[in-house]
C-alpha atoms as a PDB file:
ATOM      1  CA  MET A   1    -165.963 185.068  93.747  1.00  0.00           C
ATOM      2  CA  SER A   2    -164.052 181.917  93.006  1.00  0.00           C
ATOM      3  CA  THR A   3    -160.692 181.208  94.510  1.00  0.00           C
ATOM      4  CA  LEU A   4    -157.876 179.460  92.758  1.00  0.00           C
ATOM      5  CA  THR A   5    -156.140 176.662  94.572  1.00  0.00           C
ATOM      6  CA  VAL A   6    -152.528 175.755  94.089  1.00  0.00           C
ATOM      7  CA  PRO A   7    -152.075 172.083  93.263  1.00  0.00           C
ATOM      8  CA  SER A   8    -150.146 170.169  95.877  1.00  0.00           C
ATOM      9  CA  LYS A   9    -146.753 168.757  95.043  1.00  0.00           C
ATOM     10  CA  SER A  10    -147.423 165.070  94.836  1.00  0.00           C
ATOM     11  CA  PRO A  11    -144.724 162.539  93.924  1.00  0.00           C
ATOM     12  CA  MET A  12    -147.293 160.474  92.006  1.00  0.00           C
ATOM     13  CA  PRO A  13    -146.828 162.057  88.519  1.00  0.00           C
ATOM     14  CA  LYS A  14    -143.072 161.444  88.650  1.00  0.00           C
ATOM     15  CA  ALA A  15    -143.594 157.882  89.833  1.00  0.00           C
ATOM     16  CA  LEU A  16    -146.005 157.208  86.974  1.00  0.00           C
ATOM     17  CA  SER A  17    -143.564 158.698  84.459  1.00  0.00           C
ATOM     18  CA  ILE A  18    -140.711 156.584  85.783  1.00  0.00           C
ATOM     19  CA  SER A  19    -142.849 153.444  85.723  1.00  0.00           C
ATOM     20  CA  GLY A  20    -143.755 154.198  82.106  1.00  0.00           C
ATOM     21  CA  ILE A  21    -140.057 154.474  81.234  1.00  0.00           C
ATOM     22  CA  VAL A  22    -139.292 151.178  82.991  1.00  0.00           C
ATOM     23  CA  ILE A  23    -142.148 149.387  81.223  1.00  0.00           C
ATOM     24  CA  ALA A  24    -140.975 150.791  77.880  1.00  0.00           C
ATOM     25  CA  ILE A  25    -137.436 149.497  78.501  1.00  0.00           C
ATOM     26  CA  VAL A  26    -138.725 146.035  79.456  1.00  0.00           C
ATOM     27  CA  LEU A  27    -140.933 145.835  76.349  1.00  0.00           C
ATOM     28  CA  LEU A  28    -138.120 147.091  74.132  1.00  0.00           C
ATOM     29  CA  LEU A  29    -135.708 144.476  75.486  1.00  0.00           C
ATOM     30  CA  LEU A  30    -138.237 141.645  75.330  1.00  0.00           C
ATOM     31  CA  PHE A  31    -139.485 142.213  71.800  1.00  0.00           C
ATOM     32  CA  GLY A  32    -136.179 143.584  70.495  1.00  0.00           C
ATOM     33  CA  LEU A  33    -134.442 140.374  71.570  1.00  0.00           C
ATOM     34  CA  ASP A  34    -137.151 138.306  69.936  1.00  0.00           C
ATOM     35  CA  LEU A  35    -136.796 140.301  66.743  1.00  0.00           C
ATOM     36  CA  ALA A  36    -132.995 140.030  66.736  1.00  0.00           C
ATOM     37  CA  VAL A  37    -132.244 136.511  67.986  1.00  0.00           C
ATOM     38  CA  GLY A  38    -135.577 134.742  68.436  1.00  0.00           C
ATOM     39  CA  PHE A  39    -135.537 134.605  72.222  1.00  0.00           C
ATOM     40  CA  PRO A  40    -138.008 134.205  74.112  1.00  0.00           C
ATOM     41  CA  PHE A  41    -140.846 133.797  71.573  1.00  0.00           C
ATOM     42  CA  SER A  42    -138.929 132.054  68.729  1.00  0.00           C
ATOM     43  CA  LYS A  43    -139.867 134.825  66.265  1.00  0.00           C
ATOM     44  CA  ALA A  44    -143.519 133.790  66.311  1.00  0.00           C
ATOM     45  CA  SER A  45    -144.657 136.971  64.541  1.00  0.00           C
ATOM     46  CA  MET A  46    -142.277 139.536  63.095  1.00  0.00           C
ATOM     47  CA  ALA A  47    -145.084 142.059  62.581  1.00  0.00           C
ATOM     48  CA  MET A  48    -146.044 141.826  66.247  1.00  0.00           C
ATOM     49  CA  ASP A  49    -142.405 142.243  67.315  1.00  0.00           C
ATOM     50  CA  ILE A  50    -142.028 145.360  65.181  1.00  0.00           C
ATOM     51  CA  GLY A  51    -145.338 146.748  66.457  1.00  0.00           C
ATOM     52  CA  PHE A  52    -144.363 146.257  70.088  1.00  0.00           C
ATOM     53  CA  VAL A  53    -140.908 147.779  69.537  1.00  0.00           C
ATOM     54  CA  VAL A  54    -142.499 150.859  67.968  1.00  0.00           C
ATOM     55  CA  ALA A  55    -145.058 151.046  70.803  1.00  0.00           C
ATOM     56  CA  ALA A  56    -142.287 150.726  73.415  1.00  0.00           C
ATOM     57  CA  LEU A  57    -140.313 153.539  71.770  1.00  0.00           C
ATOM     58  CA  LEU A  58    -143.409 155.731  71.695  1.00  0.00           C
ATOM     59  CA  LEU A  59    -144.217 154.978  75.341  1.00  0.00           C
ATOM     60  CA  GLY A  60    -140.626 155.715  76.334  1.00  0.00           C
ATOM     61  CA  TYR A  61    -140.628 159.038  74.506  1.00  0.00           C
ATOM     62  CA  LEU A  62    -143.965 160.139  75.968  1.00  0.00           C
ATOM     63  CA  SER A  63    -142.949 159.094  79.485  1.00  0.00           C
ATOM     64  CA  TRP A  64    -139.602 160.886  79.191  1.00  0.00           C
ATOM     65  CA  SER A  65    -141.133 164.110  77.919  1.00  0.00           C
ATOM     66  CA  THR A  66    -143.757 164.020  80.682  1.00  0.00           C
ATOM     67  CA  PHE A  67    -141.058 163.372  83.278  1.00  0.00           C
ATOM     68  CA  ARG A  68    -139.070 166.417  82.086  1.00  0.00           C
ATOM     69  CA  GLU A  69    -142.127 168.681  82.400  1.00  0.00           C
ATOM     70  CA  GLN A  70    -142.776 167.772  86.037  1.00  0.00           C
ATOM     71  CA  PRO A  71    -141.733 170.408  88.582  1.00  0.00           C
END
């Protein structure tokens, strides 16, 4: 017979979700500013700015949806 164990309530999944949201906001601000006004990278690569903005939005969405599913 196997017994099922109840997972412990650890604060780590929520902390990882929140850190993902914070990192997404920082990336969005950094590369969004560069895309809009050329600060801090002087619009070195528009394709890279757009790629990082899209990646930051995706990371933010995934982190938010994971955060909402946590008990």
